[in-house]
Full PDB file with SEQRES, HELIX, SHEET, SSBOND, CRYST1, ORIGX, SCALE, CONECT and MASTER records, all heavy atoms in Angstrom:
SEQRES   1 A   32  ALA GLY ARG ALA PHE SER ALA GLY LEU ASP LEU VAL ASP          
SEQRES   2 A   32  ALA GLY GLU ARG HIS ALA ARG GLY ASP ASN ASP ASN ILE          
SEQRES   3 A   32  LEU ASP GLU TYR PHE ALA                                      
HELIX    1 AA1 LEU A   11  ALA A   19  1                                   9    
HELIX    2 AA2 ILE A   26  ILE A   26  1                                   1    
HELIX    3 AA3 LEU A   27  PHE A   31  3                                   5    
CRYST1    1.000    1.000    1.000  90.00  90.00  90.00 P 1           1          
ORIGX1      1.000000  0.000000  0.000000        0.00000                         
ORIGX2      0.000000  1.000000  0.000000        0.00000                         
ORIGX3      0.000000  0.000000  1.000000        0.00000                         
SCALE1      1.000000  0.000000  0.000000        0.00000                         
SCALE2      0.000000  1.000000  0.000000        0.00000                         
SCALE3      0.000000  0.000000  1.000000        0.00000                         
ATOM      1  N   ALA A   1       5.832  10.004 -13.020  1.00  0.00           N  
ATOM      2  CA  ALA A   1       6.288  11.342 -12.983  1.00  0.00           C  
ATOM      3  C   ALA A   1       7.662  11.320 -12.255  1.00  0.00           C  
ATOM      4  O   ALA A   1       7.913  10.534 -11.256  1.00  0.00           O  
ATOM      5  CB  ALA A   1       5.286  12.252 -12.283  1.00  0.00           C  
ATOM      6  N   GLY A   2       8.544  12.215 -12.701  1.00  0.00           N  
ATOM      7  CA  GLY A   2       9.800  12.333 -11.990  1.00  0.00           C  
ATOM      8  C   GLY A   2      10.836  11.246 -12.369  1.00  0.00           C  
ATOM      9  O   GLY A   2      10.905  10.877 -13.539  1.00  0.00           O  
ATOM     10  N   ARG A   3      11.623  10.751 -11.439  1.00  0.00           N  
ATOM     11  CA  ARG A   3      12.715   9.859 -11.757  1.00  0.00           C  
ATOM     12  C   ARG A   3      12.427   8.337 -11.555  1.00  0.00           C  
ATOM     13  O   ARG A   3      13.396   7.536 -11.506  1.00  0.00           O  
ATOM     14  CB  ARG A   3      13.955  10.215 -10.933  1.00  0.00           C  
ATOM     15  CG  ARG A   3      13.863  10.239  -9.427  1.00  0.00           C  
ATOM     16  CD  ARG A   3      14.968  10.901  -8.840  1.00  0.00           C  
ATOM     17  NE  ARG A   3      14.863  10.947  -7.329  1.00  0.00           N  
ATOM     18  CZ  ARG A   3      15.400  10.013  -6.563  1.00  0.00           C  
ATOM     19  NH1 ARG A   3      16.128   8.994  -7.021  1.00  0.00           N  
ATOM     20  NH2 ARG A   3      15.262  10.089  -5.235  1.00  0.00           N  
ATOM     21  N   ALA A   4      11.123   8.014 -11.272  1.00  0.00           N  
ATOM     22  CA  ALA A   4      10.913   6.597 -11.122  1.00  0.00           C  
ATOM     23  C   ALA A   4       9.566   6.304 -11.825  1.00  0.00           C  
ATOM     24  O   ALA A   4       8.675   7.092 -11.884  1.00  0.00           O  
ATOM     25  CB  ALA A   4      10.750   6.251  -9.627  1.00  0.00           C  
ATOM     26  N   PHE A   5       9.396   5.037 -12.292  1.00  0.00           N  
ATOM     27  CA  PHE A   5       8.149   4.577 -12.773  1.00  0.00           C  
ATOM     28  C   PHE A   5       7.270   4.258 -11.509  1.00  0.00           C  
ATOM     29  O   PHE A   5       6.230   4.803 -11.369  1.00  0.00           O  
ATOM     30  CB  PHE A   5       8.344   3.236 -13.553  1.00  0.00           C  
ATOM     31  CG  PHE A   5       7.030   2.674 -14.072  1.00  0.00           C  
ATOM     32  CD1 PHE A   5       6.443   3.151 -15.343  1.00  0.00           C  
ATOM     33  CD2 PHE A   5       6.325   1.715 -13.382  1.00  0.00           C  
ATOM     34  CE1 PHE A   5       5.327   2.706 -15.776  1.00  0.00           C  
ATOM     35  CE2 PHE A   5       5.152   1.194 -13.895  1.00  0.00           C  
ATOM     36  CZ  PHE A   5       4.615   1.650 -15.005  1.00  0.00           C  
ATOM     37  N   SER A   6       7.780   3.456 -10.669  1.00  0.00           N  
ATOM     38  CA  SER A   6       7.184   3.208  -9.310  1.00  0.00           C  
ATOM     39  C   SER A   6       8.172   2.454  -8.462  1.00  0.00           C  
ATOM     40  O   SER A   6       8.726   1.494  -8.899  1.00  0.00           O  
ATOM     41  CB  SER A   6       5.861   2.444  -9.503  1.00  0.00           C  
ATOM     42  OG  SER A   6       5.331   2.080  -8.219  1.00  0.00           O  
ATOM     43  N   ALA A   7       8.158   2.834  -7.165  1.00  0.00           N  
ATOM     44  CA  ALA A   7       9.023   2.076  -6.150  1.00  0.00           C  
ATOM     45  C   ALA A   7       8.298   1.021  -5.549  1.00  0.00           C  
ATOM     46  O   ALA A   7       8.847   0.399  -4.662  1.00  0.00           O  
ATOM     47  CB  ALA A   7       9.506   3.063  -5.053  1.00  0.00           C  
ATOM     48  N   GLY A   8       7.117   0.570  -6.043  1.00  0.00           N  
ATOM     49  CA  GLY A   8       6.400  -0.576  -5.571  1.00  0.00           C  
ATOM     50  C   GLY A   8       5.466  -0.141  -4.332  1.00  0.00           C  
ATOM     51  O   GLY A   8       5.100   1.055  -4.222  1.00  0.00           O  
ATOM     52  N   LEU A   9       5.086  -1.123  -3.583  1.00  0.00           N  
ATOM     53  CA  LEU A   9       4.213  -0.909  -2.434  1.00  0.00           C  
ATOM     54  C   LEU A   9       4.629   0.257  -1.574  1.00  0.00           C  
ATOM     55  O   LEU A   9       5.805   0.368  -1.229  1.00  0.00           O  
ATOM     56  CB  LEU A   9       4.061  -2.189  -1.665  1.00  0.00           C  
ATOM     57  CG  LEU A   9       3.247  -2.019  -0.320  1.00  0.00           C  
ATOM     58  CD1 LEU A   9       1.786  -1.773  -0.646  1.00  0.00           C  
ATOM     59  CD2 LEU A   9       3.377  -3.292   0.555  1.00  0.00           C  
ATOM     60  N   ASP A  10       3.743   1.161  -1.243  1.00  0.00           N  
ATOM     61  CA  ASP A  10       3.970   2.202  -0.336  1.00  0.00           C  
ATOM     62  C   ASP A  10       3.895   1.659   1.123  1.00  0.00           C  
ATOM     63  O   ASP A  10       2.770   1.502   1.656  1.00  0.00           O  
ATOM     64  CB  ASP A  10       2.951   3.415  -0.499  1.00  0.00           C  
ATOM     65  CG  ASP A  10       3.236   4.624   0.277  1.00  0.00           C  
ATOM     66  OD1 ASP A  10       3.938   4.482   1.366  1.00  0.00           O  
ATOM     67  OD2 ASP A  10       2.850   5.742  -0.090  1.00  0.00           O  
ATOM     68  N   LEU A  11       5.067   1.362   1.669  1.00  0.00           N  
ATOM     69  CA  LEU A  11       5.016   0.818   2.961  1.00  0.00           C  
ATOM     70  C   LEU A  11       4.530   1.782   4.091  1.00  0.00           C  
ATOM     71  O   LEU A  11       3.933   1.315   5.093  1.00  0.00           O  
ATOM     72  CB  LEU A  11       6.488   0.406   3.324  1.00  0.00           C  
ATOM     73  CG  LEU A  11       7.082  -0.687   2.415  1.00  0.00           C  
ATOM     74  CD1 LEU A  11       8.596  -1.015   2.821  1.00  0.00           C  
ATOM     75  CD2 LEU A  11       6.295  -2.046   2.512  1.00  0.00           C  
ATOM     76  N   VAL A  12       4.730   3.039   3.838  1.00  0.00           N  
ATOM     77  CA  VAL A  12       4.095   4.022   4.842  1.00  0.00           C  
ATOM     78  C   VAL A  12       2.606   3.955   4.871  1.00  0.00           C  
ATOM     79  O   VAL A  12       2.045   3.872   5.848  1.00  0.00           O  
ATOM     80  CB  VAL A  12       4.576   5.377   4.461  1.00  0.00           C  
ATOM     81  CG1 VAL A  12       3.892   6.476   5.396  1.00  0.00           C  
ATOM     82  CG2 VAL A  12       6.131   5.511   4.647  1.00  0.00           C  
ATOM     83  N   ASP A  13       2.001   3.918   3.569  1.00  0.00           N  
ATOM     84  CA  ASP A  13       0.564   3.749   3.533  1.00  0.00           C  
ATOM     85  C   ASP A  13       0.078   2.458   4.119  1.00  0.00           C  
ATOM     86  O   ASP A  13      -0.904   2.447   4.840  1.00  0.00           O  
ATOM     87  CB  ASP A  13       0.171   3.824   2.041  1.00  0.00           C  
ATOM     88  CG  ASP A  13      -1.361   3.646   1.865  1.00  0.00           C  
ATOM     89  OD1 ASP A  13      -2.154   4.587   2.252  1.00  0.00           O  
ATOM     90  OD2 ASP A  13      -1.660   2.627   1.216  1.00  0.00           O  
ATOM     91  N   ALA A  14       0.742   1.383   3.840  1.00  0.00           N  
ATOM     92  CA  ALA A  14       0.396   0.119   4.312  1.00  0.00           C  
ATOM     93  C   ALA A  14       0.406   0.085   5.927  1.00  0.00           C  
ATOM     94  O   ALA A  14      -0.462  -0.437   6.565  1.00  0.00           O  
ATOM     95  CB  ALA A  14       1.288  -0.972   3.813  1.00  0.00           C  
ATOM     96  N   GLY A  15       1.512   0.806   6.424  1.00  0.00           N  
ATOM     97  CA  GLY A  15       1.633   0.808   7.900  1.00  0.00           C  
ATOM     98  C   GLY A  15       0.599   1.635   8.606  1.00  0.00           C  
ATOM     99  O   GLY A  15       0.065   1.278   9.594  1.00  0.00           O  
ATOM    100  N   GLU A  16       0.204   2.694   7.914  1.00  0.00           N  
ATOM    101  CA  GLU A  16      -0.863   3.588   8.446  1.00  0.00           C  
ATOM    102  C   GLU A  16      -2.239   2.913   8.446  1.00  0.00           C  
ATOM    103  O   GLU A  16      -2.996   3.057   9.306  1.00  0.00           O  
ATOM    104  CB  GLU A  16      -0.886   4.926   7.617  1.00  0.00           C  
ATOM    105  CG  GLU A  16       0.269   5.788   7.876  1.00  0.00           C  
ATOM    106  CD  GLU A  16       0.275   7.017   6.971  1.00  0.00           C  
ATOM    107  OE1 GLU A  16      -0.537   7.060   5.984  1.00  0.00           O  
ATOM    108  OE2 GLU A  16       1.010   7.951   7.149  1.00  0.00           O  
ATOM    109  N   ARG A  17      -2.446   2.088   7.360  1.00  0.00           N  
ATOM    110  CA  ARG A  17      -3.731   1.367   7.237  1.00  0.00           C  
ATOM    111  C   ARG A  17      -3.723   0.322   8.402  1.00  0.00           C  
ATOM    112  O   ARG A  17      -4.800   0.137   9.030  1.00  0.00           O  
ATOM    113  CB  ARG A  17      -3.858   0.671   5.879  1.00  0.00           C  
ATOM    114  CG  ARG A  17      -3.959   1.675   4.751  1.00  0.00           C  
ATOM    115  CD  ARG A  17      -4.115   0.965   3.437  1.00  0.00           C  
ATOM    116  NE  ARG A  17      -5.309   0.236   3.237  1.00  0.00           N  
ATOM    117  CZ  ARG A  17      -6.456   0.883   2.954  1.00  0.00           C  
ATOM    118  NH1 ARG A  17      -6.489   2.074   2.688  1.00  0.00           N  
ATOM    119  NH2 ARG A  17      -7.562   0.088   2.858  1.00  0.00           N  
ATOM    120  N   HIS A  18      -2.625  -0.349   8.660  1.00  0.00           N  
ATOM    121  CA  HIS A  18      -2.554  -1.248   9.683  1.00  0.00           C  
ATOM    122  C   HIS A  18      -2.777  -0.584  11.104  1.00  0.00           C  
ATOM    123  O   HIS A  18      -3.523  -1.114  11.912  1.00  0.00           O  
ATOM    124  CB  HIS A  18      -1.200  -1.966   9.756  1.00  0.00           C  
ATOM    125  CG  HIS A  18      -1.034  -3.026  10.786  1.00  0.00           C  
ATOM    126  ND1 HIS A  18      -1.634  -4.189  10.718  1.00  0.00           N  
ATOM    127  CD2 HIS A  18      -0.239  -2.984  11.937  1.00  0.00           C  
ATOM    128  CE1 HIS A  18      -1.320  -4.938  11.772  1.00  0.00           C  
ATOM    129  NE2 HIS A  18      -0.550  -4.197  12.544  1.00  0.00           N  
ATOM    130  N   ALA A  19      -2.156   0.522  11.297  1.00  0.00           N  
ATOM    131  CA  ALA A  19      -2.260   1.255  12.506  1.00  0.00           C  
ATOM    132  C   ALA A  19      -3.726   1.678  12.819  1.00  0.00           C  
ATOM    133  O   ALA A  19      -4.098   1.801  13.892  1.00  0.00           O  
ATOM    134  CB  ALA A  19      -1.346   2.466  12.565  1.00  0.00           C  
ATOM    135  N   ARG A  20      -4.485   1.982  11.704  1.00  0.00           N  
ATOM    136  CA  ARG A  20      -5.872   2.474  11.886  1.00  0.00           C  
ATOM    137  C   ARG A  20      -6.735   1.234  12.072  1.00  0.00           C  
ATOM    138  O   ARG A  20      -7.920   1.424  12.382  1.00  0.00           O  
ATOM    139  CB  ARG A  20      -6.302   3.119  10.537  1.00  0.00           C  
ATOM    140  CG  ARG A  20      -5.730   4.448  10.300  1.00  0.00           C  
ATOM    141  CD  ARG A  20      -6.568   5.285   9.277  1.00  0.00           C  
ATOM    142  NE  ARG A  20      -6.645   4.577   8.095  1.00  0.00           N  
ATOM    143  CZ  ARG A  20      -5.796   4.704   6.989  1.00  0.00           C  
ATOM    144  NH1 ARG A  20      -4.855   5.664   7.140  1.00  0.00           N  
ATOM    145  NH2 ARG A  20      -5.924   4.071   5.832  1.00  0.00           N  
ATOM    146  N   GLY A  21      -6.220   0.087  12.030  1.00  0.00           N  
ATOM    147  CA  GLY A  21      -7.040  -1.141  12.244  1.00  0.00           C  
ATOM    148  C   GLY A  21      -7.803  -1.533  10.968  1.00  0.00           C  
ATOM    149  O   GLY A  21      -8.784  -2.405  11.091  1.00  0.00           O  
ATOM    150  N   ASP A  22      -7.371  -1.129   9.822  1.00  0.00           N  
ATOM    151  CA  ASP A  22      -7.985  -1.565   8.501  1.00  0.00           C  
ATOM    152  C   ASP A  22      -7.700  -3.033   8.448  1.00  0.00           C  
ATOM    153  O   ASP A  22      -6.660  -3.485   8.440  1.00  0.00           O  
ATOM    154  CB  ASP A  22      -7.439  -0.773   7.352  1.00  0.00           C  
ATOM    155  CG  ASP A  22      -7.848   0.648   7.412  1.00  0.00           C  
ATOM    156  OD1 ASP A  22      -8.749   0.994   8.105  1.00  0.00           O  
ATOM    157  OD2 ASP A  22      -7.163   1.408   6.610  1.00  0.00           O  
ATOM    158  N   ASN A  23      -8.816  -3.838   8.136  1.00  0.00           N  
ATOM    159  CA  ASN A  23      -8.708  -5.294   8.138  1.00  0.00           C  
ATOM    160  C   ASN A  23      -8.635  -5.796   6.650  1.00  0.00           C  
ATOM    161  O   ASN A  23      -8.721  -6.985   6.511  1.00  0.00           O  
ATOM    162  CB  ASN A  23      -9.948  -5.945   8.847  1.00  0.00           C  
ATOM    163  CG  ASN A  23      -9.884  -5.545  10.326  1.00  0.00           C  
ATOM    164  OD1 ASN A  23      -8.787  -5.697  11.015  1.00  0.00           O  
ATOM    165  ND2 ASN A  23     -11.006  -5.308  10.859  1.00  0.00           N  
ATOM    166  N   ASP A  24      -8.613  -4.886   5.700  1.00  0.00           N  
ATOM    167  CA  ASP A  24      -8.548  -5.363   4.342  1.00  0.00           C  
ATOM    168  C   ASP A  24      -7.173  -6.029   4.015  1.00  0.00           C  
ATOM    169  O   ASP A  24      -6.169  -5.653   4.534  1.00  0.00           O  
ATOM    170  CB  ASP A  24      -8.913  -4.228   3.413  1.00  0.00           C  
ATOM    171  CG  ASP A  24      -7.969  -3.018   3.536  1.00  0.00           C  
ATOM    172  OD1 ASP A  24      -7.146  -3.141   4.484  1.00  0.00           O  
ATOM    173  OD2 ASP A  24      -8.107  -2.072   2.769  1.00  0.00           O  
ATOM    174  N   ASN A  25      -7.339  -6.994   3.178  1.00  0.00           N  
ATOM    175  CA  ASN A  25      -6.129  -7.645   2.604  1.00  0.00           C  
ATOM    176  C   ASN A  25      -5.741  -6.837   1.289  1.00  0.00           C  
ATOM    177  O   ASN A  25      -6.328  -6.922   0.293  1.00  0.00           O  
ATOM    178  CB  ASN A  25      -6.427  -9.101   2.257  1.00  0.00           C  
ATOM    179  CG  ASN A  25      -5.204  -9.906   1.733  1.00  0.00           C  
ATOM    180  OD1 ASN A  25      -4.447  -9.344   1.001  1.00  0.00           O  
ATOM    181  ND2 ASN A  25      -5.008 -11.113   2.225  1.00  0.00           N  
ATOM    182  N   ILE A  26      -4.642  -6.037   1.457  1.00  0.00           N  
ATOM    183  CA  ILE A  26      -4.263  -5.139   0.404  1.00  0.00           C  
ATOM    184  C   ILE A  26      -4.069  -5.890  -0.908  1.00  0.00           C  
ATOM    185  O   ILE A  26      -4.505  -5.487  -2.028  1.00  0.00           O  
ATOM    186  CB  ILE A  26      -3.135  -4.233   0.726  1.00  0.00           C  
ATOM    187  CG1 ILE A  26      -3.476  -3.334   1.846  1.00  0.00           C  
ATOM    188  CG2 ILE A  26      -2.544  -3.516  -0.471  1.00  0.00           C  
ATOM    189  CD1 ILE A  26      -2.251  -2.500   2.335  1.00  0.00           C  
ATOM    190  N   LEU A  27      -3.363  -7.056  -0.865  1.00  0.00           N  
ATOM    191  CA  LEU A  27      -3.180  -7.733  -2.060  1.00  0.00           C  
ATOM    192  C   LEU A  27      -4.381  -8.415  -2.725  1.00  0.00           C  
ATOM    193  O   LEU A  27      -4.580  -8.139  -3.941  1.00  0.00           O  
ATOM    194  CB  LEU A  27      -2.200  -8.959  -1.772  1.00  0.00           C  
ATOM    195  CG  LEU A  27      -0.655  -8.597  -1.485  1.00  0.00           C  
ATOM    196  CD1 LEU A  27       0.081  -9.861  -1.265  1.00  0.00           C  
ATOM    197  CD2 LEU A  27      -0.088  -7.796  -2.691  1.00  0.00           C  
ATOM    198  N   ASP A  28      -5.242  -8.923  -2.007  1.00  0.00           N  
ATOM    199  CA  ASP A  28      -6.397  -9.594  -2.577  1.00  0.00           C  
ATOM    200  C   ASP A  28      -7.418  -8.549  -3.017  1.00  0.00           C  
ATOM    201  O   ASP A  28      -8.180  -8.736  -3.923  1.00  0.00           O  
ATOM    202  CB  ASP A  28      -7.026 -10.579  -1.556  1.00  0.00           C  
ATOM    203  CG  ASP A  28      -6.236 -11.792  -1.309  1.00  0.00           C  
ATOM    204  OD1 ASP A  28      -5.338 -12.081  -2.211  1.00  0.00           O  
ATOM    205  OD2 ASP A  28      -6.429 -12.507  -0.445  1.00  0.00           O  
ATOM    206  N   GLU A  29      -7.538  -7.499  -2.225  1.00  0.00           N  
ATOM    207  CA  GLU A  29      -8.535  -6.478  -2.480  1.00  0.00           C  
ATOM    208  C   GLU A  29      -8.187  -5.372  -3.416  1.00  0.00           C  
ATOM    209  O   GLU A  29      -9.133  -4.750  -3.993  1.00  0.00           O  
ATOM    210  CB  GLU A  29      -9.092  -5.996  -1.153  1.00  0.00           C  
ATOM    211  CG  GLU A  29      -9.760  -7.011  -0.336  1.00  0.00           C  
ATOM    212  CD  GLU A  29     -10.389  -6.376   0.982  1.00  0.00           C  
ATOM    213  OE1 GLU A  29     -10.805  -5.297   0.961  1.00  0.00           O  
ATOM    214  OE2 GLU A  29     -10.427  -7.122   1.979  1.00  0.00           O  
ATOM    215  N   TYR A  30      -6.932  -5.195  -3.529  1.00  0.00           N  
ATOM    216  CA  TYR A  30      -6.470  -3.940  -4.460  1.00  0.00           C  
ATOM    217  C   TYR A  30      -5.437  -4.348  -5.516  1.00  0.00           C  
ATOM    218  O   TYR A  30      -5.628  -4.110  -6.705  1.00  0.00           O  
ATOM    219  CB  TYR A  30      -5.961  -2.866  -3.535  1.00  0.00           C  
ATOM    220  CG  TYR A  30      -7.002  -2.332  -2.511  1.00  0.00           C  
ATOM    221  CD1 TYR A  30      -6.981  -2.729  -1.254  1.00  0.00           C  
ATOM    222  CD2 TYR A  30      -7.999  -1.527  -2.980  1.00  0.00           C  
ATOM    223  CE1 TYR A  30      -7.970  -2.255  -0.372  1.00  0.00           C  
ATOM    224  CE2 TYR A  30      -8.995  -1.107  -2.092  1.00  0.00           C  
ATOM    225  CZ  TYR A  30      -8.944  -1.396  -0.795  1.00  0.00           C  
ATOM    226  OH  TYR A  30      -9.872  -0.988   0.179  1.00  0.00           O  
ATOM    227  N   PHE A  31      -4.293  -4.999  -5.098  1.00  0.00           N  
ATOM    228  CA  PHE A  31      -3.276  -5.260  -6.033  1.00  0.00           C  
ATOM    229  C   PHE A  31      -3.661  -6.272  -7.021  1.00  0.00           C  
ATOM    230  O   PHE A  31      -3.496  -6.054  -8.259  1.00  0.00           O  
ATOM    231  CB  PHE A  31      -1.948  -5.677  -5.261  1.00  0.00           C  
ATOM    232  CG  PHE A  31      -1.190  -4.457  -4.755  1.00  0.00           C  
ATOM    233  CD1 PHE A  31      -1.527  -3.847  -3.615  1.00  0.00           C  
ATOM    234  CD2 PHE A  31      -0.152  -4.008  -5.511  1.00  0.00           C  
ATOM    235  CE1 PHE A  31      -0.822  -2.716  -3.143  1.00  0.00           C  
ATOM    236  CE2 PHE A  31       0.559  -2.926  -5.026  1.00  0.00           C  
ATOM    237  CZ  PHE A  31       0.249  -2.273  -3.924  1.00  0.00           C  
ATOM    238  N   ALA A  32      -4.232  -7.397  -6.595  1.00  0.00           N  
ATOM    239  CA  ALA A  32      -4.550  -8.510  -7.501  1.00  0.00           C  
ATOM    240  C   ALA A  32      -5.675  -8.102  -8.469  1.00  0.00           C  
ATOM    241  O   ALA A  32      -5.530  -8.368  -9.678  1.00  0.00           O  
ATOM    242  CB  ALA A  32      -4.884  -9.774  -6.725  1.00  0.00           C  
TER     243      ALA A  32                                                      
MASTER        0    0    0    3    0    0    0    6  242    1    0    3          
END                                                                             
């Protein structure tokens, strides 16, 4: 939607997950 297909990884979301202490590996558990 809008003017982009996708800007890639949401660094804000990744940072918030890290700040919350989420221990999941985003690449292995979601992206891959």
